[in-house]
Amino acid sequence: MNAYSLLFAESLISVALSFAVLYVLSGPLVNVLGRICPDEQAAVFWLSYTKVMLMIAPLLLVLTVDLFSHFSDPMDSLRLALMAALGGLLIGLHSIGKRLGQFVATPQNPGSAA
């Protein structure tokens, strides 16, 4: 497989996974940001910021891993690119969840003494 087509395929894997995650998360994320942000402009900004970061983080990880790994079999390179893209999404989603989790109030148990 040509080096350029392999790089394109790896980048395509990363972008496709990011789009899939963003498709699933966009609706609920808009609702959460609408509740915790002071106004609509802030919610739109943080939604855009999240989308950009969930596109860049996996792609950056895929490109970095590809820079340091050289396999004779292109399937090994594609497999590593898939793992790097999923790792980048996991890191991005963890940081977003950790940040948004600060704004979620846990309900008190009715039987516990507070």
PDB file of N, CA and C in Angstrom:
ATOM      1  N   MET A   1       0.852  -1.181   0.000  1.00  0.00           N
ATOM      2  CA  MET A   1       0.000   0.000   0.000  1.00  0.00           C
ATOM      3  C   MET A   1       0.894   1.240   0.000  1.00  0.00           C
ATOM      4  N   ASN A   2       0.553   2.200  -0.801  1.00  0.00           N
ATOM      5  CA  ASN A   2       1.289   3.452  -0.912  1.00  0.00           C
ATOM      6  C   ASN A   2       1.266   4.195   0.426  1.00  0.00           C
ATOM      7  N   ALA A   3       2.348   4.883   0.765  1.00  0.00           N
ATOM      8  CA  ALA A   3       2.442   5.602   2.035  1.00  0.00           C
ATOM      9  C   ALA A   3       1.387   6.708   2.128  1.00  0.00           C
ATOM     10  N   TYR A   4       1.119   7.370   1.010  1.00  0.00           N
ATOM     11  CA  TYR A   4       0.112   8.444   1.027  1.00  0.00           C
ATOM     12  C   TYR A   4      -1.292   7.890   1.218  1.00  0.00           C
ATOM     13  N   SER A   5      -1.592   6.789   0.558  1.00  0.00           N
ATOM     14  CA  SER A   5      -2.927   6.214   0.715  1.00  0.00           C
ATOM     15  C   SER A   5      -3.102   5.634   2.121  1.00  0.00           C
ATOM     16  N   LEU A   6      -2.012   5.107   2.694  1.00  0.00           N
ATOM     17  CA  LEU A   6      -2.090   4.608   4.068  1.00  0.00           C
ATOM     18  C   LEU A   6      -2.336   5.755   5.044  1.00  0.00           C
ATOM     19  N   LEU A   7      -1.638   6.859   4.864  1.00  0.00           N
ATOM     20  CA  LEU A   7      -1.853   8.031   5.719  1.00  0.00           C
ATOM     21  C   LEU A   7      -3.277   8.561   5.566  1.00  0.00           C
ATOM     22  N   PHE A   8      -3.772   8.584   4.331  1.00  0.00           N
ATOM     23  CA  PHE A   8      -5.146   9.028   4.100  1.00  0.00           C
ATOM     24  C   PHE A   8      -6.143   8.091   4.778  1.00  0.00           C
ATOM     25  N   ALA A   9      -5.908   6.779   4.677  1.00  0.00           N
ATOM     26  CA  ALA A   9      -6.814   5.802   5.300  1.00  0.00           C
ATOM     27  C   ALA A   9      -6.802   5.941   6.821  1.00  0.00           C
ATOM     28  N   GLU A  10      -5.624   6.142   7.391  1.00  0.00           N
ATOM     29  CA  GLU A  10      -5.535   6.313   8.841  1.00  0.00           C
ATOM     30  C   GLU A  10      -6.250   7.589   9.288  1.00  0.00           C
ATOM     31  N   SER A  11      -6.061   8.660   8.537  1.00  0.00           N
ATOM     32  CA  SER A  11      -6.748   9.913   8.861  1.00  0.00           C
ATOM     33  C   SER A  11      -8.254   9.763   8.711  1.00  0.00           C
ATOM     34  N   LEU A  12      -8.670   9.047   7.698  1.00  0.00           N
ATOM     35  CA  LEU A  12     -10.099   8.813   7.465  1.00  0.00           C
ATOM     36  C   LEU A  12     -10.713   8.004   8.607  1.00  0.00           C
ATOM     37  N   ILE A  13      -9.976   7.023   9.113  1.00  0.00           N
ATOM     38  CA  ILE A  13     -10.452   6.244  10.262  1.00  0.00           C
ATOM     39  C   ILE A  13     -10.694   7.168  11.452  1.00  0.00           C
ATOM     40  N   SER A  14      -9.731   8.037  11.725  1.00  0.00           N
ATOM     41  CA  SER A  14      -9.845   8.948  12.861  1.00  0.00           C
ATOM     42  C   SER A  14     -11.022   9.904  12.703  1.00  0.00           C
ATOM     43  N   VAL A  15     -11.151  10.492  11.534  1.00  0.00           N
ATOM     44  CA  VAL A  15     -12.230  11.462  11.296  1.00  0.00           C
ATOM     45  C   VAL A  15     -13.598  10.770  11.336  1.00  0.00           C
ATOM     46  N   ALA A  16     -13.689   9.575  10.775  1.00  0.00           N
ATOM     47  CA  ALA A  16     -14.964   8.849  10.774  1.00  0.00           C
ATOM     48  C   ALA A  16     -15.397   8.493  12.194  1.00  0.00           C
ATOM     49  N   LEU A  17     -14.454   8.037  13.013  1.00  0.00           N
ATOM     50  CA  LEU A  17     -14.791   7.726  14.407  1.00  0.00           C
ATOM     51  C   LEU A  17     -15.213   8.980  15.168  1.00  0.00           C
ATOM     52  N   SER A  18     -14.521  10.080  14.921  1.00  0.00           N
ATOM     53  CA  SER A  18     -14.871  11.330  15.597  1.00  0.00           C
ATOM     54  C   SER A  18     -16.268  11.789  15.199  1.00  0.00           C
ATOM     55  N   PHE A  19     -16.583  11.714  13.905  1.00  0.00           N
ATOM     56  CA  PHE A  19     -17.920  12.099  13.455  1.00  0.00           C
ATOM     57  C   PHE A  19     -18.995  11.207  14.074  1.00  0.00           C
ATOM     58  N   ALA A  20     -18.711   9.913  14.206  1.00  0.00           N
ATOM     59  CA  ALA A  20     -19.687   9.004  14.806  1.00  0.00           C
ATOM     60  C   ALA A  20     -19.945   9.367  16.266  1.00  0.00           C
ATOM     61  N   VAL A  21     -18.883   9.640  17.004  1.00  0.00           N
ATOM     62  CA  VAL A  21     -19.038  10.017  18.417  1.00  0.00           C
ATOM     63  C   VAL A  21     -19.770  11.350  18.532  1.00  0.00           C
ATOM     64  N   LEU A  22     -19.412  12.307  17.687  1.00  0.00           N
ATOM     65  CA  LEU A  22     -20.072  13.616  17.735  1.00  0.00           C
ATOM     66  C   LEU A  22     -21.541  13.524  17.343  1.00  0.00           C
ATOM     67  N   TYR A  23     -21.869  12.629  16.431  1.00  0.00           N
ATOM     68  CA  TYR A  23     -23.264  12.440  16.041  1.00  0.00           C
ATOM     69  C   TYR A  23     -24.081  11.951  17.236  1.00  0.00           C
ATOM     70  N   VAL A  24     -23.505  11.039  18.003  1.00  0.00           N
ATOM     71  CA  VAL A  24     -24.211  10.488  19.165  1.00  0.00           C
ATOM     72  C   VAL A  24     -24.297  11.511  20.295  1.00  0.00           C
ATOM     73  N   LEU A  25     -23.234  12.287  20.498  1.00  0.00           N
ATOM     74  CA  LEU A  25     -23.166  13.186  21.651  1.00  0.00           C
ATOM     75  C   LEU A  25     -23.764  14.576  21.445  1.00  0.00           C
ATOM     76  N   SER A  26     -23.898  15.020  20.230  1.00  0.00           N
ATOM     77  CA  SER A  26     -24.279  16.416  19.990  1.00  0.00           C
ATOM     78  C   SER A  26     -25.610  16.794  20.628  1.00  0.00           C
ATOM     79  N   GLY A  27     -26.622  15.985  20.474  1.00  0.00           N
ATOM     80  CA  GLY A  27     -27.934  16.296  21.045  1.00  0.00           C
ATOM     81  C   GLY A  27     -27.908  16.414  22.557  1.00  0.00           C
ATOM     82  N   PRO A  28     -27.463  15.363  23.255  1.00  0.00           N
ATOM     83  CA  PRO A  28     -27.405  15.462  24.719  1.00  0.00           C
ATOM     84  C   PRO A  28     -26.459  16.551  25.208  1.00  0.00           C
ATOM     85  N   LEU A  29     -25.372  16.774  24.495  1.00  0.00           N
ATOM     86  CA  LEU A  29     -24.424  17.801  24.918  1.00  0.00           C
ATOM     87  C   LEU A  29     -25.026  19.193  24.806  1.00  0.00           C
ATOM     88  N   VAL A  30     -25.815  19.435  23.773  1.00  0.00           N
ATOM     89  CA  VAL A  30     -26.500  20.722  23.636  1.00  0.00           C
ATOM     90  C   VAL A  30     -27.436  20.949  24.814  1.00  0.00           C
ATOM     91  N   ASN A  31     -28.157  19.908  25.212  1.00  0.00           N
ATOM     92  CA  ASN A  31     -29.084  20.032  26.350  1.00  0.00           C
ATOM     93  C   ASN A  31     -28.335  20.337  27.647  1.00  0.00           C
ATOM     94  N   VAL A  32     -27.254  19.629  27.894  1.00  0.00           N
ATOM     95  CA  VAL A  32     -26.490  19.849  29.119  1.00  0.00           C
ATOM     96  C   VAL A  32     -25.871  21.235  29.120  1.00  0.00           C
ATOM     97  N   LEU A  33     -25.269  21.627  28.006  1.00  0.00           N
ATOM     98  CA  LEU A  33     -24.640  22.943  27.941  1.00  0.00           C
ATOM     99  C   LEU A  33     -25.671  24.064  28.050  1.00  0.00           C
ATOM    100  N   GLY A  34     -26.863  23.837  27.518  1.00  0.00           N
ATOM    101  CA  GLY A  34     -27.920  24.832  27.645  1.00  0.00           C
ATOM    102  C   GLY A  34     -28.333  25.056  29.090  1.00  0.00           C
ATOM    103  N   ARG A  35     -28.225  24.005  29.910  1.00  0.00           N
ATOM    104  CA  ARG A  35     -28.600  24.133  31.325  1.00  0.00           C
ATOM    105  C   ARG A  35     -27.491  24.726  32.183  1.00  0.00           C
ATOM    106  N   ILE A  36     -26.244  24.419  31.877  1.00  0.00           N
ATOM    107  CA  ILE A  36     -25.177  24.850  32.775  1.00  0.00           C
ATOM    108  C   ILE A  36     -24.486  26.139  32.338  1.00  0.00           C
ATOM    109  N   CYS A  37     -24.663  26.540  31.087  1.00  0.00           N
ATOM    110  CA  CYS A  37     -24.022  27.779  30.627  1.00  0.00           C
ATOM    111  C   CYS A  37     -24.909  28.980  30.933  1.00  0.00           C
ATOM    112  N   PRO A  38     -24.296  30.127  31.196  1.00  0.00           N
ATOM    113  CA  PRO A  38     -25.086  31.307  31.566  1.00  0.00           C
ATOM    114  C   PRO A  38     -25.951  31.853  30.429  1.00  0.00           C
ATOM    115  N   ASP A  39     -25.530  31.684  29.186  1.00  0.00           N
ATOM    116  CA  ASP A  39     -26.342  32.136  28.063  1.00  0.00           C
ATOM    117  C   ASP A  39     -26.095  31.237  26.848  1.00  0.00           C
ATOM    118  N   GLU A  40     -26.882  31.483  25.798  1.00  0.00           N
ATOM    119  CA  GLU A  40     -26.823  30.634  24.608  1.00  0.00           C
ATOM    120  C   GLU A  40     -25.485  30.752  23.880  1.00  0.00           C
ATOM    121  N   GLN A  41     -24.896  31.936  23.859  1.00  0.00           N
ATOM    122  CA  GLN A  41     -23.606  32.116  23.184  1.00  0.00           C
ATOM    123  C   GLN A  41     -22.518  31.282  23.839  1.00  0.00           C
ATOM    124  N   ALA A  42     -22.526  31.195  25.145  1.00  0.00           N
ATOM    125  CA  ALA A  42     -21.548  30.374  25.853  1.00  0.00           C
ATOM    126  C   ALA A  42     -21.754  28.895  25.525  1.00  0.00           C
ATOM    127  N   ALA A  43     -23.009  28.467  25.469  1.00  0.00           N
ATOM    128  CA  ALA A  43     -23.297  27.071  25.145  1.00  0.00           C
ATOM    129  C   ALA A  43     -22.843  26.736  23.727  1.00  0.00           C
ATOM    130  N   VAL A  44     -23.077  27.637  22.783  1.00  0.00           N
ATOM    131  CA  VAL A  44     -22.647  27.420  21.392  1.00  0.00           C
ATOM    132  C   VAL A  44     -21.125  27.358  21.312  1.00  0.00           C
ATOM    133  N   PHE A  45     -20.444  28.241  22.055  1.00  0.00           N
ATOM    134  CA  PHE A  45     -18.985  28.215  22.053  1.00  0.00           C
ATOM    135  C   PHE A  45     -18.466  26.881  22.580  1.00  0.00           C
ATOM    136  N   TRP A  46     -18.976  26.430  23.725  1.00  0.00           N
ATOM    137  CA  TRP A  46     -18.456  25.200  24.318  1.00  0.00           C
ATOM    138  C   TRP A  46     -18.813  23.981  23.485  1.00  0.00           C
ATOM    139  N   LEU A  47     -19.944  24.020  22.789  1.00  0.00           N
ATOM    140  CA  LEU A  47     -20.275  22.926  21.883  1.00  0.00           C
ATOM    141  C   LEU A  47     -19.282  22.895  20.724  1.00  0.00           C
ATOM    142  N   SER A  48     -18.993  24.056  20.149  1.00  0.00           N
ATOM    143  CA  SER A  48     -18.023  24.123  19.048  1.00  0.00           C
ATOM    144  C   SER A  48     -16.633  23.705  19.515  1.00  0.00           C
ATOM    145  N   TYR A  49     -16.244  24.167  20.683  1.00  0.00           N
ATOM    146  CA  TYR A  49     -14.940  23.813  21.249  1.00  0.00           C
ATOM    147  C   TYR A  49     -14.825  22.294  21.427  1.00  0.00           C
ATOM    148  N   THR A  50     -15.875  21.686  21.961  1.00  0.00           N
ATOM    149  CA  THR A  50     -15.876  20.242  22.174  1.00  0.00           C
ATOM    150  C   THR A  50     -15.773  19.492  20.856  1.00  0.00           C
ATOM    151  N   LYS A  51     -16.509  19.947  19.850  1.00  0.00           N
ATOM    152  CA  LYS A  51     -16.452  19.293  18.547  1.00  0.00           C
ATOM    153  C   LYS A  51     -15.057  19.376  17.940  1.00  0.00           C
ATOM    154  N   VAL A  52     -14.441  20.535  18.031  1.00  0.00           N
ATOM    155  CA  VAL A  52     -13.087  20.696  17.479  1.00  0.00           C
ATOM    156  C   VAL A  52     -12.100  19.805  18.229  1.00  0.00           C
ATOM    157  N   MET A  53     -12.201  19.786  19.550  1.00  0.00           N
ATOM    158  CA  MET A  53     -11.263  18.982  20.334  1.00  0.00           C
ATOM    159  C   MET A  53     -11.452  17.487  20.088  1.00  0.00           C
ATOM    160  N   LEU A  54     -12.682  17.038  19.898  1.00  0.00           N
ATOM    161  CA  LEU A  54     -12.915  15.622  19.633  1.00  0.00           C
ATOM    162  C   LEU A  54     -12.554  15.235  18.197  1.00  0.00           C
ATOM    163  N   MET A  55     -12.301  16.209  17.364  1.00  0.00           N
ATOM    164  CA  MET A  55     -11.759  15.921  16.030  1.00  0.00           C
ATOM    165  C   MET A  55     -10.237  15.943  16.051  1.00  0.00           C
ATOM    166  N   ILE A  56      -9.662  16.900  16.771  1.00  0.00           N
ATOM    167  CA  ILE A  56      -8.208  17.084  16.752  1.00  0.00           C
ATOM    168  C   ILE A  56      -7.487  16.025  17.586  1.00  0.00           C
ATOM    169  N   ALA A  57      -7.974  15.719  18.773  1.00  0.00           N
ATOM    170  CA  ALA A  57      -7.250  14.812  19.684  1.00  0.00           C
ATOM    171  C   ALA A  57      -7.008  13.432  19.063  1.00  0.00           C
ATOM    172  N   PRO A  58      -8.025  12.770  18.511  1.00  0.00           N
ATOM    173  CA  PRO A  58      -7.755  11.458  17.904  1.00  0.00           C
ATOM    174  C   PRO A  58      -6.841  11.555  16.676  1.00  0.00           C
ATOM    175  N   LEU A  59      -7.042  12.582  15.870  1.00  0.00           N
ATOM    176  CA  LEU A  59      -6.218  12.730  14.669  1.00  0.00           C
ATOM    177  C   LEU A  59      -4.761  12.983  15.041  1.00  0.00           C
ATOM    178  N   LEU A  60      -4.536  13.802  16.041  1.00  0.00           N
ATOM    179  CA  LEU A  60      -3.174  14.074  16.487  1.00  0.00           C
ATOM    180  C   LEU A  60      -2.509  12.805  17.014  1.00  0.00           C
ATOM    181  N   LEU A  61      -3.246  12.023  17.762  1.00  0.00           N
ATOM    182  CA  LEU A  61      -2.700  10.776  18.286  1.00  0.00           C
ATOM    183  C   LEU A  61      -2.401   9.783  17.160  1.00  0.00           C
ATOM    184  N   VAL A  62      -3.280   9.696  16.170  1.00  0.00           N
ATOM    185  CA  VAL A  62      -3.051   8.801  15.028  1.00  0.00           C
ATOM    186  C   VAL A  62      -1.806   9.226  14.260  1.00  0.00           C
ATOM    187  N   LEU A  63      -1.674  10.512  13.997  1.00  0.00           N
ATOM    188  CA  LEU A  63      -0.516  10.995  13.246  1.00  0.00           C
ATOM    189  C   LEU A  63       0.781  10.830  14.036  1.00  0.00           C
ATOM    190  N   THR A  64       0.729  11.007  15.341  1.00  0.00           N
ATOM    191  CA  THR A  64       1.915  10.837  16.170  1.00  0.00           C
ATOM    192  C   THR A  64       2.338   9.373  16.226  1.00  0.00           C
ATOM    193  N   VAL A  65       1.383   8.483  16.412  1.00  0.00           N
ATOM    194  CA  VAL A  65       1.701   7.060  16.459  1.00  0.00           C
ATOM    195  C   VAL A  65       2.238   6.599  15.108  1.00  0.00           C
ATOM    196  N   ASP A  66       1.674   7.100  14.025  1.00  0.00           N
ATOM    197  CA  ASP A  66       2.131   6.714  12.695  1.00  0.00           C
ATOM    198  C   ASP A  66       3.564   7.194  12.437  1.00  0.00           C
ATOM    199  N   LEU A  67       3.917   8.308  13.022  1.00  0.00           N
ATOM    200  CA  LEU A  67       5.261   8.852  12.843  1.00  0.00           C
ATOM    201  C   LEU A  67       6.328   7.934  13.451  1.00  0.00           C
ATOM    202  N   PHE A  68       5.993   7.288  14.568  1.00  0.00           N
ATOM    203  CA  PHE A  68       6.971   6.473  15.280  1.00  0.00           C
ATOM    204  C   PHE A  68       6.854   4.973  15.023  1.00  0.00           C
ATOM    205  N   SER A  69       5.889   4.549  14.236  1.00  0.00           N
ATOM    206  CA  SER A  69       5.728   3.116  13.978  1.00  0.00           C
ATOM    207  C   SER A  69       5.818   2.844  12.481  1.00  0.00           C
ATOM    208  N   HIS A  70       6.504   1.788  12.158  1.00  0.00           N
ATOM    209  CA  HIS A  70       6.643   1.383  10.758  1.00  0.00           C
ATOM    210  C   HIS A  70       6.453  -0.124  10.685  1.00  0.00           C
ATOM    211  N   PHE A  71       5.348  -0.537  10.097  1.00  0.00           N
ATOM    212  CA  PHE A  71       5.038  -1.950   9.950  1.00  0.00           C
ATOM    213  C   PHE A  71       5.174  -2.338   8.488  1.00  0.00           C
ATOM    214  N   SER A  72       5.542  -3.586   8.252  1.00  0.00           N
ATOM    215  CA  SER A  72       5.617  -4.055   6.875  1.00  0.00           C
ATOM    216  C   SER A  72       4.220  -4.365   6.330  1.00  0.00           C
ATOM    217  N   ASP A  73       3.312  -4.736   7.216  1.00  0.00           N
ATOM    218  CA  ASP A  73       1.944  -5.045   6.809  1.00  0.00           C
ATOM    219  C   ASP A  73       1.059  -3.811   7.027  1.00  0.00           C
ATOM    220  N   PRO A  74       0.400  -3.325   5.976  1.00  0.00           N
ATOM    221  CA  PRO A  74      -0.469  -2.141   6.138  1.00  0.00           C
ATOM    222  C   PRO A  74      -1.630  -2.363   7.104  1.00  0.00           C
ATOM    223  N   MET A  75      -2.084  -3.599   7.250  1.00  0.00           N
ATOM    224  CA  MET A  75      -3.180  -3.869   8.189  1.00  0.00           C
ATOM    225  C   MET A  75      -2.751  -3.603   9.628  1.00  0.00           C
ATOM    226  N   ASP A  76      -1.492  -3.849   9.934  1.00  0.00           N
ATOM    227  CA  ASP A  76      -0.999  -3.537  11.269  1.00  0.00           C
ATOM    228  C   ASP A  76      -1.008  -2.031  11.511  1.00  0.00           C
ATOM    229  N   SER A  77      -0.662  -1.257  10.494  1.00  0.00           N
ATOM    230  CA  SER A  77      -0.691   0.207  10.605  1.00  0.00           C
ATOM    231  C   SER A  77      -2.115   0.707  10.785  1.00  0.00           C
ATOM    232  N   LEU A  78      -3.042   0.123  10.042  1.00  0.00           N
ATOM    233  CA  LEU A  78      -4.444   0.532  10.165  1.00  0.00           C
ATOM    234  C   LEU A  78      -5.010   0.140  11.528  1.00  0.00           C
ATOM    235  N   ARG A  79      -4.613  -1.023  12.005  1.00  0.00           N
ATOM    236  CA  ARG A  79      -5.065  -1.465  13.336  1.00  0.00           C
ATOM    237  C   ARG A  79      -4.548  -0.526  14.419  1.00  0.00           C
ATOM    238  N   LEU A  80      -3.281  -0.137  14.312  1.00  0.00           N
ATOM    239  CA  LEU A  80      -2.715   0.796  15.281  1.00  0.00           C
ATOM    240  C   LEU A  80      -3.383   2.166  15.180  1.00  0.00           C
ATOM    241  N   ALA A  81      -3.710   2.584  13.969  1.00  0.00           N
ATOM    242  CA  ALA A  81      -4.413   3.863  13.785  1.00  0.00           C
ATOM    243  C   ALA A  81      -5.796   3.817  14.430  1.00  0.00           C
ATOM    244  N   LEU A  82      -6.479   2.698  14.292  1.00  0.00           N
ATOM    245  CA  LEU A  82      -7.795   2.545  14.922  1.00  0.00           C
ATOM    246  C   LEU A  82      -7.669   2.596  16.444  1.00  0.00           C
ATOM    247  N   MET A  83      -6.670   1.921  16.980  1.00  0.00           N
ATOM    248  CA  MET A  83      -6.459   1.947  18.427  1.00  0.00           C
ATOM    249  C   MET A  83      -6.085   3.351  18.899  1.00  0.00           C
ATOM    250  N   ALA A  84      -5.270   4.062  18.133  1.00  0.00           N
ATOM    251  CA  ALA A  84      -4.871   5.417  18.523  1.00  0.00           C
ATOM    252  C   ALA A  84      -6.071   6.363  18.464  1.00  0.00           C
ATOM    253  N   ALA A  85      -6.906   6.219  17.438  1.00  0.00           N
ATOM    254  CA  ALA A  85      -8.090   7.075  17.327  1.00  0.00           C
ATOM    255  C   ALA A  85      -9.052   6.821  18.487  1.00  0.00           C
ATOM    256  N   LEU A  86      -9.250   5.566  18.818  1.00  0.00           N
ATOM    257  CA  LEU A  86     -10.121   5.247  19.958  1.00  0.00           C
ATOM    258  C   LEU A  86      -9.511   5.749  21.262  1.00  0.00           C
ATOM    259  N   GLY A  87      -8.196   5.652  21.393  1.00  0.00           N
ATOM    260  CA  GLY A  87      -7.528   6.180  22.578  1.00  0.00           C
ATOM    261  C   GLY A  87      -7.667   7.688  22.676  1.00  0.00           C
ATOM    262  N   GLY A  88      -7.538   8.385  21.547  1.00  0.00           N
ATOM    263  CA  GLY A  88      -7.718   9.835  21.540  1.00  0.00           C
ATOM    264  C   GLY A  88      -9.132  10.230  21.909  1.00  0.00           C
ATOM    265  N   LEU A  89     -10.111   9.480  21.397  1.00  0.00           N
ATOM    266  CA  LEU A  89     -11.506   9.758  21.764  1.00  0.00           C
ATOM    267  C   LEU A  89     -11.749   9.483  23.244  1.00  0.00           C
ATOM    268  N   LEU A  90     -11.149   8.418  23.746  1.00  0.00           N
ATOM    269  CA  LEU A  90     -11.305   8.097  25.159  1.00  0.00           C
ATOM    270  C   LEU A  90     -10.722   9.196  26.038  1.00  0.00           C
ATOM    271  N   ILE A  91      -9.559   9.691  25.686  1.00  0.00           N
ATOM    272  CA  ILE A  91      -8.942  10.776  26.450  1.00  0.00           C
ATOM    273  C   ILE A  91      -9.805  12.037  26.375  1.00  0.00           C
ATOM    274  N   GLY A  92     -10.271  12.373  25.165  1.00  0.00           N
ATOM    275  CA  GLY A  92     -11.108  13.561  25.000  1.00  0.00           C
ATOM    276  C   GLY A  92     -12.423  13.454  25.747  1.00  0.00           C
ATOM    277  N   LEU A  93     -13.079  12.311  25.648  1.00  0.00           N
ATOM    278  CA  LEU A  93     -14.355  12.129  26.337  1.00  0.00           C
ATOM    279  C   LEU A  93     -14.171  12.111  27.852  1.00  0.00           C
ATOM    280  N   HIS A  94     -13.074  11.548  28.309  1.00  0.00           N
ATOM    281  CA  HIS A  94     -12.807  11.549  29.752  1.00  0.00           C
ATOM    282  C   HIS A  94     -12.639  12.978  30.268  1.00  0.00           C
ATOM    283  N   SER A  95     -11.884  13.784  29.546  1.00  0.00           N
ATOM    284  CA  SER A  95     -11.671  15.160  30.014  1.00  0.00           C
ATOM    285  C   SER A  95     -12.962  15.972  29.957  1.00  0.00           C
ATOM    286  N   ILE A  96     -13.788  15.754  28.947  1.00  0.00           N
ATOM    287  CA  ILE A  96     -15.065  16.454  28.861  1.00  0.00           C
ATOM    288  C   ILE A  96     -16.004  15.981  29.972  1.00  0.00           C
ATOM    289  N   GLY A  97     -16.059  14.679  30.182  1.00  0.00           N
ATOM    290  CA  GLY A  97     -16.914  14.136  31.242  1.00  0.00           C
ATOM    291  C   GLY A  97     -16.479  14.589  32.620  1.00  0.00           C
ATOM    292  N   LYS A  98     -15.175  14.665  32.821  1.00  0.00           N
ATOM    293  CA  LYS A  98     -14.670  15.126  34.114  1.00  0.00           C
ATOM    294  C   LYS A  98     -15.050  16.577  34.356  1.00  0.00           C
ATOM    295  N   ARG A  99     -14.958  17.378  33.318  1.00  0.00           N
ATOM    296  CA  ARG A  99     -15.294  18.808  33.451  1.00  0.00           C
ATOM    297  C   ARG A  99     -16.796  19.011  33.642  1.00  0.00           C
ATOM    298  N   LEU A 100     -17.612  18.330  32.847  1.00  0.00           N
ATOM    299  CA  LEU A 100     -19.063  18.479  32.966  1.00  0.00           C
ATOM    300  C   LEU A 100     -19.589  17.837  34.242  1.00  0.00           C
ATOM    301  N   GLY A 101     -18.896  16.818  34.734  1.00  0.00           N
ATOM    302  CA  GLY A 101     -19.320  16.154  35.956  1.00  0.00           C
ATOM    303  C   GLY A 101     -19.283  17.056  37.170  1.00  0.00           C
ATOM    304  N   GLN A 102     -18.523  18.126  37.111  1.00  0.00           N
ATOM    305  CA  GLN A 102     -18.468  19.069  38.223  1.00  0.00           C
ATOM    306  C   GLN A 102     -19.784  19.834  38.387  1.00  0.00           C
ATOM    307  N   PHE A 103     -20.575  19.884  37.325  1.00  0.00           N
ATOM    308  CA  PHE A 103     -21.816  20.649  37.360  1.00  0.00           C
ATOM    309  C   PHE A 103     -23.043  19.790  37.633  1.00  0.00           C
ATOM    310  N   VAL A 104     -22.858  18.484  37.748  1.00  0.00           N
ATOM    311  CA  VAL A 104     -23.976  17.587  37.994  1.00  0.00           C
ATOM    312  C   VAL A 104     -24.097  17.366  39.488  1.00  0.00           C
ATOM    313  N   ALA A 105     -25.275  17.655  40.003  1.00  0.00           N
ATOM    314  CA  ALA A 105     -25.544  17.472  41.433  1.00  0.00           C
ATOM    315  C   ALA A 105     -26.104  16.072  41.651  1.00  0.00           C
ATOM    316  N   THR A 106     -25.510  15.337  42.576  1.00  0.00           N
ATOM    317  CA  THR A 106     -26.029  14.008  42.886  1.00  0.00           C
ATOM    318  C   THR A 106     -27.173  14.136  43.879  1.00  0.00           C
ATOM    319  N   PRO A 107     -28.262  13.406  43.644  1.00  0.00           N
ATOM    320  CA  PRO A 107     -29.389  13.496  44.563  1.00  0.00           C
ATOM    321  C   PRO A 107     -29.072  12.832  45.898  1.00  0.00           C
ATOM    322  N   GLN A 108     -29.619  13.397  46.951  1.00  0.00           N
ATOM    323  CA  GLN A 108     -29.443  12.850  48.286  1.00  0.00           C
ATOM    324  C   GLN A 108     -30.409  11.695  48.480  1.00  0.00           C
ATOM    325  N   ASN A 109     -29.967  10.659  49.179  1.00  0.00           N
ATOM    326  CA  ASN A 109     -30.853   9.544  49.507  1.00  0.00           C
ATOM    327  C   ASN A 109     -31.884  10.025  50.537  1.00  0.00           C
ATOM    328  N   PRO A 110     -33.180   9.710  50.318  1.00  0.00           N
ATOM    329  CA  PRO A 110     -34.200  10.193  51.250  1.00  0.00           C
ATOM    330  C   PRO A 110     -34.054   9.574  52.646  1.00  0.00           C
ATOM    331  N   GLY A 111     -33.467   8.389  52.769  1.00  0.00           N
ATOM    332  CA  GLY A 111     -33.355   7.751  54.070  1.00  0.00           C
ATOM    333  C   GLY A 111     -32.108   8.122  54.833  1.00  0.00           C
ATOM    334  N   SER A 112     -31.180   8.796  54.196  1.00  0.00           N
ATOM    335  CA  SER A 112     -29.917   9.114  54.888  1.00  0.00           C
ATOM    336  C   SER A 112     -30.019  10.430  55.637  1.00  0.00           C
ATOM    337  N   ALA A 113     -29.315  10.513  56.724  1.00  0.00           N
ATOM    338  CA  ALA A 113     -29.300  11.748  57.519  1.00  0.00           C
ATOM    339  C   ALA A 113     -28.277  12.693  56.902  1.00  0.00           C
ATOM    340  N   ALA A 114     -28.693  13.910  56.660  1.00  0.00           N
ATOM    341  CA  ALA A 114     -27.787  14.875  56.048  1.00  0.00           C
ATOM    342  C   ALA A 114     -27.350  15.926  57.031  1.00  0.00           C
TER     343      ALA A 114
END
